[in-house]
Amino acid sequence: MRLAGNGVWWESLGDGTKWTFADGYTTAMARANSFVAAECKERKTGLTPGPGFDAGMKAAIASCMTAEIFNFDVERPKLLSGIDDFYSDSQNLRIPIDFAMQHVREMSSLSVRSNSARAIQVLCSSIGVFLARVLLFSQGNQGRITGTINA
């Protein structure tokens, strides 16, 4: 069954059409993100203590969370290969394309977060080793230059 918007439909598209679809989808998501993120910022800056604070805070949180849903900053080649991989499992063929794209985005952001966490751990370890070496191997001359100058 080749319905628009599921895996069967996706697999029937050529590479150029897939690219065009992904471009249109991510462009629309970026535009929606921009509008909702601006609303989020406006709501947060408009918060003032008083009787309407709780309602204003809830509205700001809702806007910010909605903006994050539209945040679709995934490299196009990674998005397209991720969708192809997702639909390569025959159990996923009936899942709508927007769910597949959201899934690929989430998996991509998880791997970025995981890589960032690993990079931070390595950086902290490197700094620790560097500081330990400085303490262990300092020359102890306390800033004095020793030696002679031959003319």
N, C-alpha and C. Protein backbone atom coordinates (compact mmCIF):
# COMPACT_ATOMS: atom_id res chain seq x y z
N MET A 1 0.84 -1.18 0.00
CA MET A 1 0.00 0.00 0.00
C MET A 1 0.89 1.24 0.00
N ARG A 2 0.84 2.01 -1.04
CA ARG A 2 1.71 3.16 -1.21
C ARG A 2 0.97 4.45 -0.88
N LEU A 3 0.88 4.74 0.42
CA LEU A 3 0.27 5.98 0.87
C LEU A 3 1.33 7.04 1.02
N ALA A 4 0.96 8.27 0.71
CA ALA A 4 1.92 9.37 0.90
C ALA A 4 2.25 9.48 2.37
N GLY A 5 3.53 9.49 2.65
CA GLY A 5 3.95 9.77 4.01
C GLY A 5 4.33 8.59 4.87
N ASN A 6 4.45 7.39 4.32
CA ASN A 6 4.96 6.28 5.14
C ASN A 6 6.19 5.68 4.46
N GLY A 7 6.69 4.58 5.01
CA GLY A 7 7.91 3.98 4.50
C GLY A 7 7.80 3.44 3.08
N VAL A 8 6.63 2.91 2.74
CA VAL A 8 6.43 2.39 1.38
C VAL A 8 6.54 3.56 0.40
N TRP A 9 5.92 4.65 0.75
CA TRP A 9 5.98 5.86 -0.07
C TRP A 9 7.43 6.35 -0.16
N TRP A 10 8.13 6.42 0.99
CA TRP A 10 9.51 6.91 1.03
C TRP A 10 10.41 6.08 0.12
N GLU A 11 10.27 4.78 0.19
CA GLU A 11 11.11 3.90 -0.62
C GLU A 11 10.83 4.02 -2.12
N SER A 12 9.64 4.51 -2.47
CA SER A 12 9.31 4.66 -3.89
C SER A 12 9.90 5.94 -4.49
N LEU A 13 10.41 6.83 -3.64
CA LEU A 13 10.96 8.10 -4.12
C LEU A 13 12.39 7.94 -4.61
N GLY A 14 12.75 8.75 -5.57
CA GLY A 14 14.14 8.80 -6.01
C GLY A 14 14.96 9.66 -5.05
N ASP A 15 16.27 9.60 -5.17
CA ASP A 15 17.14 10.34 -4.26
C ASP A 15 16.89 11.85 -4.31
N GLY A 16 16.70 12.39 -5.50
CA GLY A 16 16.45 13.82 -5.64
C GLY A 16 15.15 14.25 -4.97
N THR A 17 14.12 13.43 -5.11
CA THR A 17 12.83 13.75 -4.49
C THR A 17 12.93 13.64 -2.97
N LYS A 18 13.67 12.65 -2.48
CA LYS A 18 13.89 12.53 -1.03
C LYS A 18 14.59 13.78 -0.51
N TRP A 19 15.63 14.22 -1.24
CA TRP A 19 16.38 15.40 -0.84
C TRP A 19 15.46 16.63 -0.80
N THR A 20 14.64 16.80 -1.84
CA THR A 20 13.72 17.94 -1.92
C THR A 20 12.70 17.89 -0.78
N PHE A 21 12.16 16.72 -0.51
CA PHE A 21 11.20 16.58 0.59
C PHE A 21 11.85 16.95 1.92
N ALA A 22 13.03 16.40 2.18
CA ALA A 22 13.73 16.68 3.44
C ALA A 22 14.07 18.16 3.55
N ASP A 23 14.45 18.78 2.45
CA ASP A 23 14.76 20.20 2.45
C ASP A 23 13.53 21.02 2.81
N GLY A 24 12.41 20.72 2.19
CA GLY A 24 11.17 21.44 2.49
C GLY A 24 10.73 21.24 3.93
N TYR A 25 10.83 20.00 4.40
CA TYR A 25 10.41 19.68 5.77
C TYR A 25 11.27 20.42 6.78
N THR A 26 12.60 20.36 6.62
CA THR A 26 13.48 21.00 7.60
C THR A 26 13.40 22.53 7.52
N THR A 27 13.16 23.06 6.33
CA THR A 27 12.98 24.51 6.19
C THR A 27 11.72 24.96 6.92
N ALA A 28 10.64 24.22 6.76
CA ALA A 28 9.39 24.55 7.46
C ALA A 28 9.56 24.43 8.97
N MET A 29 10.26 23.40 9.41
CA MET A 29 10.48 23.22 10.85
C MET A 29 11.34 24.36 11.40
N ALA A 30 12.36 24.79 10.67
CA ALA A 30 13.21 25.89 11.12
C ALA A 30 12.41 27.18 11.23
N ARG A 31 11.52 27.39 10.29
CA ARG A 31 10.68 28.61 10.33
C ARG A 31 9.74 28.57 11.53
N ALA A 32 9.10 27.43 11.75
CA ALA A 32 8.21 27.28 12.91
C ALA A 32 8.99 27.45 14.21
N ASN A 33 10.19 26.87 14.26
CA ASN A 33 11.04 27.00 15.44
C ASN A 33 11.37 28.46 15.71
N SER A 34 11.68 29.20 14.67
CA SER A 34 12.02 30.62 14.82
C SER A 34 10.87 31.41 15.41
N PHE A 35 9.67 31.20 14.91
CA PHE A 35 8.50 31.92 15.41
C PHE A 35 8.20 31.55 16.87
N VAL A 36 8.19 30.27 17.16
CA VAL A 36 7.84 29.82 18.50
C VAL A 36 8.94 30.17 19.51
N ALA A 37 10.21 30.11 19.09
CA ALA A 37 11.31 30.50 19.98
C ALA A 37 11.22 31.99 20.31
N ALA A 38 10.82 32.82 19.35
CA ALA A 38 10.64 34.25 19.60
C ALA A 38 9.51 34.47 20.61
N GLU A 39 8.43 33.70 20.47
CA GLU A 39 7.33 33.78 21.43
C GLU A 39 7.79 33.35 22.81
N CYS A 40 8.58 32.29 22.87
CA CYS A 40 9.14 31.81 24.14
C CYS A 40 9.95 32.91 24.81
N LYS A 41 10.83 33.54 24.05
CA LYS A 41 11.68 34.60 24.60
C LYS A 41 10.84 35.77 25.09
N GLU A 42 9.84 36.13 24.30
CA GLU A 42 8.96 37.25 24.68
C GLU A 42 8.20 36.94 25.97
N ARG A 43 7.70 35.73 26.07
CA ARG A 43 6.96 35.35 27.28
C ARG A 43 7.88 35.34 28.51
N LYS A 44 9.12 34.86 28.34
CA LYS A 44 10.04 34.82 29.48
C LYS A 44 10.43 36.22 29.94
N THR A 45 10.67 37.12 28.99
CA THR A 45 11.06 38.48 29.39
C THR A 45 9.88 39.27 29.94
N GLY A 46 8.67 38.86 29.60
CA GLY A 46 7.48 39.56 30.09
C GLY A 46 7.01 39.10 31.46
N LEU A 47 7.69 38.13 32.06
CA LEU A 47 7.28 37.63 33.37
C LEU A 47 7.56 38.65 34.46
N THR A 48 6.58 38.91 35.29
CA THR A 48 6.75 39.79 36.44
C THR A 48 6.06 39.15 37.63
N PRO A 49 6.61 39.37 38.83
CA PRO A 49 5.97 38.83 40.02
C PRO A 49 4.56 39.41 40.17
N GLY A 50 3.69 38.57 40.64
CA GLY A 50 2.32 39.03 40.84
C GLY A 50 1.32 37.92 40.62
N PRO A 51 0.05 38.29 40.54
CA PRO A 51 -1.01 37.27 40.44
C PRO A 51 -0.96 36.44 39.17
N GLY A 52 -0.49 36.99 38.07
CA GLY A 52 -0.48 36.23 36.82
C GLY A 52 0.82 35.52 36.54
N PHE A 53 1.72 35.48 37.52
CA PHE A 53 3.05 34.91 37.30
C PHE A 53 2.99 33.43 36.95
N ASP A 54 2.22 32.63 37.71
CA ASP A 54 2.14 31.19 37.47
C ASP A 54 1.62 30.88 36.06
N ALA A 55 0.56 31.57 35.66
CA ALA A 55 0.00 31.34 34.33
C ALA A 55 1.00 31.77 33.26
N GLY A 56 1.68 32.89 33.48
CA GLY A 56 2.69 33.35 32.52
C GLY A 56 3.86 32.39 32.41
N MET A 57 4.27 31.83 33.56
CA MET A 57 5.38 30.87 33.57
C MET A 57 4.99 29.60 32.82
N LYS A 58 3.77 29.12 33.04
CA LYS A 58 3.30 27.92 32.33
C LYS A 58 3.26 28.17 30.83
N ALA A 59 2.79 29.33 30.42
CA ALA A 59 2.73 29.66 28.99
C ALA A 59 4.14 29.75 28.40
N ALA A 60 5.07 30.32 29.15
CA ALA A 60 6.45 30.43 28.67
C ALA A 60 7.07 29.05 28.52
N ILE A 61 6.86 28.20 29.51
CA ILE A 61 7.41 26.83 29.44
C ILE A 61 6.82 26.08 28.26
N ALA A 62 5.52 26.22 28.05
CA ALA A 62 4.87 25.54 26.92
C ALA A 62 5.44 26.03 25.59
N SER A 63 5.65 27.34 25.46
CA SER A 63 6.22 27.89 24.23
C SER A 63 7.64 27.37 24.00
N CYS A 64 8.43 27.35 25.06
CA CYS A 64 9.82 26.91 24.93
C CYS A 64 9.90 25.43 24.57
N MET A 65 9.03 24.63 25.17
CA MET A 65 9.02 23.19 24.85
C MET A 65 8.55 22.97 23.42
N THR A 66 7.57 23.74 22.98
CA THR A 66 7.10 23.61 21.60
C THR A 66 8.19 24.02 20.62
N ALA A 67 8.93 25.07 20.95
CA ALA A 67 10.03 25.50 20.08
C ALA A 67 11.04 24.38 19.92
N GLU A 68 11.30 23.65 20.99
CA GLU A 68 12.28 22.56 20.93
C GLU A 68 11.79 21.42 20.03
N ILE A 69 10.50 21.21 19.98
CA ILE A 69 9.94 20.18 19.08
C ILE A 69 10.26 20.53 17.63
N PHE A 70 10.22 21.82 17.31
CA PHE A 70 10.48 22.26 15.94
C PHE A 70 11.97 22.45 15.64
N ASN A 71 12.82 22.28 16.64
CA ASN A 71 14.26 22.42 16.43
C ASN A 71 14.75 21.19 15.68
N PHE A 72 15.01 21.35 14.41
CA PHE A 72 15.33 20.21 13.54
C PHE A 72 16.67 20.41 12.88
N ASP A 73 17.70 20.63 13.69
CA ASP A 73 19.04 20.93 13.18
C ASP A 73 19.82 19.63 12.99
N VAL A 74 19.52 18.94 11.91
CA VAL A 74 20.21 17.68 11.56
C VAL A 74 20.77 17.85 10.16
N GLU A 75 22.01 17.45 9.97
CA GLU A 75 22.60 17.54 8.63
C GLU A 75 21.78 16.71 7.66
N ARG A 76 21.53 17.27 6.49
CA ARG A 76 20.67 16.63 5.51
C ARG A 76 21.12 15.22 5.13
N PRO A 77 22.41 14.98 4.82
CA PRO A 77 22.81 13.61 4.47
C PRO A 77 22.58 12.63 5.61
N LYS A 78 22.83 13.08 6.85
CA LYS A 78 22.62 12.22 8.01
C LYS A 78 21.12 11.92 8.19
N LEU A 79 20.29 12.93 7.93
CA LEU A 79 18.84 12.75 8.02
C LEU A 79 18.35 11.74 6.99
N LEU A 80 18.78 11.91 5.75
CA LEU A 80 18.32 11.01 4.69
C LEU A 80 18.78 9.57 4.91
N SER A 81 20.04 9.39 5.29
CA SER A 81 20.51 8.02 5.54
C SER A 81 19.83 7.42 6.76
N GLY A 82 19.53 8.28 7.77
CA GLY A 82 18.82 7.79 8.95
C GLY A 82 17.41 7.31 8.62
N ILE A 83 16.73 8.05 7.76
CA ILE A 83 15.37 7.65 7.35
C ILE A 83 15.44 6.36 6.54
N ASP A 84 16.39 6.28 5.63
CA ASP A 84 16.55 5.05 4.85
C ASP A 84 16.82 3.86 5.77
N ASP A 85 17.68 4.05 6.77
CA ASP A 85 17.96 2.98 7.74
C ASP A 85 16.72 2.61 8.53
N PHE A 86 15.97 3.63 8.96
CA PHE A 86 14.75 3.40 9.73
C PHE A 86 13.76 2.55 8.94
N TYR A 87 13.56 2.90 7.68
CA TYR A 87 12.59 2.17 6.85
C TYR A 87 13.15 0.87 6.28
N SER A 88 14.43 0.60 6.46
CA SER A 88 14.98 -0.68 6.00
C SER A 88 14.43 -1.83 6.85
N ASP A 89 13.96 -1.53 8.04
CA ASP A 89 13.28 -2.52 8.88
C ASP A 89 11.82 -2.58 8.42
N SER A 90 11.40 -3.71 7.90
CA SER A 90 10.06 -3.84 7.33
C SER A 90 8.95 -3.55 8.34
N GLN A 91 9.23 -3.68 9.62
CA GLN A 91 8.21 -3.38 10.64
C GLN A 91 7.92 -1.88 10.71
N ASN A 92 8.81 -1.06 10.18
CA ASN A 92 8.62 0.39 10.24
C ASN A 92 7.97 0.98 9.00
N LEU A 93 7.70 0.17 7.99
CA LEU A 93 7.21 0.69 6.71
C LEU A 93 5.88 1.43 6.81
N ARG A 94 5.05 1.10 7.74
CA ARG A 94 3.73 1.75 7.87
C ARG A 94 3.77 2.98 8.79
N ILE A 95 4.90 3.28 9.35
CA ILE A 95 5.03 4.44 10.24
C ILE A 95 5.13 5.71 9.40
N PRO A 96 4.36 6.74 9.76
CA PRO A 96 4.38 7.99 8.98
C PRO A 96 5.77 8.63 8.96
N ILE A 97 6.04 9.34 7.88
CA ILE A 97 7.36 9.94 7.65
C ILE A 97 7.73 10.92 8.74
N ASP A 98 6.77 11.71 9.26
CA ASP A 98 7.14 12.68 10.27
C ASP A 98 7.61 12.01 11.56
N PHE A 99 7.02 10.85 11.89
CA PHE A 99 7.51 10.11 13.06
C PHE A 99 8.92 9.57 12.80
N ALA A 100 9.15 9.10 11.58
CA ALA A 100 10.48 8.60 11.23
C ALA A 100 11.52 9.71 11.32
N MET A 101 11.16 10.90 10.83
CA MET A 101 12.10 12.01 10.86
C MET A 101 12.36 12.46 12.30
N GLN A 102 11.34 12.48 13.13
CA GLN A 102 11.52 12.82 14.54
C GLN A 102 12.43 11.80 15.22
N HIS A 103 12.23 10.53 14.89
CA HIS A 103 13.06 9.47 15.47
C HIS A 103 14.54 9.66 15.08
N VAL A 104 14.78 9.94 13.82
CA VAL A 104 16.15 10.14 13.35
C VAL A 104 16.76 11.36 14.04
N ARG A 105 15.98 12.42 14.19
CA ARG A 105 16.47 13.62 14.88
C ARG A 105 16.84 13.30 16.32
N GLU A 106 15.98 12.57 17.02
CA GLU A 106 16.25 12.22 18.42
C GLU A 106 17.50 11.35 18.53
N MET A 107 17.63 10.37 17.64
CA MET A 107 18.81 9.50 17.69
C MET A 107 20.08 10.30 17.40
N SER A 108 19.98 11.25 16.48
CA SER A 108 21.13 12.09 16.14
C SER A 108 21.52 12.96 17.32
N SER A 109 20.54 13.54 18.00
CA SER A 109 20.87 14.41 19.13
C SER A 109 21.40 13.61 20.30
N LEU A 110 20.93 12.37 20.46
CA LEU A 110 21.46 11.51 21.53
C LEU A 110 22.93 11.20 21.28
N SER A 111 23.28 10.91 20.03
CA SER A 111 24.68 10.58 19.74
C SER A 111 25.56 11.81 19.92
N VAL A 112 25.04 13.01 19.58
CA VAL A 112 25.81 14.23 19.78
C VAL A 112 26.03 14.47 21.27
N ARG A 113 24.98 14.29 22.08
CA ARG A 113 25.11 14.47 23.52
C ARG A 113 26.10 13.47 24.10
N SER A 114 26.00 12.22 23.64
CA SER A 114 26.90 11.18 24.13
C SER A 114 28.35 11.50 23.77
N ASN A 115 28.58 11.93 22.52
CA ASN A 115 29.93 12.29 22.09
C ASN A 115 30.44 13.51 22.86
N SER A 116 29.57 14.47 23.12
CA SER A 116 29.98 15.65 23.88
C SER A 116 30.37 15.27 25.29
N ALA A 117 29.59 14.38 25.91
CA ALA A 117 29.91 13.95 27.27
C ALA A 117 31.27 13.24 27.31
N ARG A 118 31.51 12.39 26.31
CA ARG A 118 32.81 11.71 26.25
C ARG A 118 33.94 12.70 26.04
N ALA A 119 33.74 13.69 25.19
CA ALA A 119 34.77 14.69 24.93
C ALA A 119 35.07 15.49 26.19
N ILE A 120 34.05 15.83 26.95
CA ILE A 120 34.25 16.57 28.20
C ILE A 120 35.03 15.71 29.20
N GLN A 121 34.72 14.43 29.27
CA GLN A 121 35.45 13.54 30.18
C GLN A 121 36.93 13.47 29.79
N VAL A 122 37.20 13.34 28.51
CA VAL A 122 38.59 13.27 28.04
C VAL A 122 39.31 14.58 28.34
N LEU A 123 38.64 15.70 28.08
CA LEU A 123 39.23 17.00 28.35
C LEU A 123 39.56 17.16 29.84
N CYS A 124 38.63 16.81 30.71
CA CYS A 124 38.87 16.92 32.15
C CYS A 124 40.02 16.00 32.58
N SER A 125 40.06 14.79 32.04
CA SER A 125 41.16 13.88 32.37
C SER A 125 42.49 14.45 31.91
N SER A 126 42.52 15.03 30.72
CA SER A 126 43.75 15.62 30.19
C SER A 126 44.22 16.78 31.05
N ILE A 127 43.29 17.61 31.47
CA ILE A 127 43.66 18.73 32.33
C ILE A 127 44.20 18.22 33.66
N GLY A 128 43.56 17.18 34.20
CA GLY A 128 44.03 16.59 35.46
C GLY A 128 45.44 16.04 35.34
N VAL A 129 45.70 15.33 34.25
CA VAL A 129 47.05 14.78 34.02
C VAL A 129 48.06 15.92 33.85
N PHE A 130 47.68 16.94 33.11
CA PHE A 130 48.58 18.08 32.91
C PHE A 130 48.93 18.75 34.25
N LEU A 131 47.91 19.00 35.08
CA LEU A 131 48.17 19.63 36.37
C LEU A 131 49.03 18.75 37.27
N ALA A 132 48.79 17.45 37.25
CA ALA A 132 49.59 16.54 38.07
C ALA A 132 51.05 16.56 37.61
N ARG A 133 51.27 16.59 36.31
CA ARG A 133 52.64 16.62 35.78
C ARG A 133 53.33 17.93 36.14
N VAL A 134 52.60 19.04 36.08
CA VAL A 134 53.19 20.33 36.43
C VAL A 134 53.64 20.30 37.89
N LEU A 135 52.77 19.76 38.76
CA LEU A 135 53.14 19.71 40.18
C LEU A 135 54.30 18.76 40.45
N LEU A 136 54.30 17.62 39.79
CA LEU A 136 55.34 16.63 40.03
C LEU A 136 56.69 17.00 39.43
N PHE A 137 56.67 17.63 38.29
CA PHE A 137 57.91 17.86 37.57
C PHE A 137 58.33 19.32 37.50
N SER A 138 57.79 20.15 38.39
CA SER A 138 58.22 21.55 38.37
C SER A 138 59.66 21.62 38.86
N GLN A 139 60.42 22.55 38.34
CA GLN A 139 61.85 22.63 38.65
C GLN A 139 62.12 23.28 39.99
N GLY A 140 61.19 23.99 40.52
CA GLY A 140 61.37 24.55 41.84
C GLY A 140 62.32 25.72 41.90
N ASN A 141 62.60 26.41 40.80
CA ASN A 141 63.50 27.55 40.88
C ASN A 141 62.75 28.83 41.22
N GLN A 142 61.50 28.77 41.35
CA GLN A 142 60.61 29.86 41.76
C GLN A 142 60.84 31.13 40.95
N GLY A 143 60.99 30.99 39.67
CA GLY A 143 61.06 32.13 38.79
C GLY A 143 62.45 32.69 38.55
N ARG A 144 63.48 32.15 39.20
CA ARG A 144 64.83 32.64 38.99
C ARG A 144 65.46 31.97 37.79
N ILE A 145 66.17 32.75 37.03
CA ILE A 145 66.90 32.20 35.88
C ILE A 145 68.34 32.00 36.34
N THR A 146 68.82 30.79 36.19
CA THR A 146 70.19 30.50 36.59
C THR A 146 71.04 30.24 35.37
N GLY A 147 72.30 30.53 35.47
CA GLY A 147 73.20 30.30 34.36
C GLY A 147 74.03 31.54 34.09
N THR A 148 74.89 31.45 33.12
CA THR A 148 75.75 32.56 32.76
C THR A 148 75.59 32.89 31.29
N ILE A 149 75.94 34.09 30.98
CA ILE A 149 75.90 34.55 29.59
C ILE A 149 77.33 34.70 29.12
N ASN A 150 77.71 34.03 28.08
CA ASN A 150 79.06 34.15 27.52
C ASN A 150 79.02 35.12 26.37
N ALA A 151 79.89 36.07 26.40
CA ALA A 151 79.91 37.06 25.34
C ALA A 151 80.95 36.77 24.30
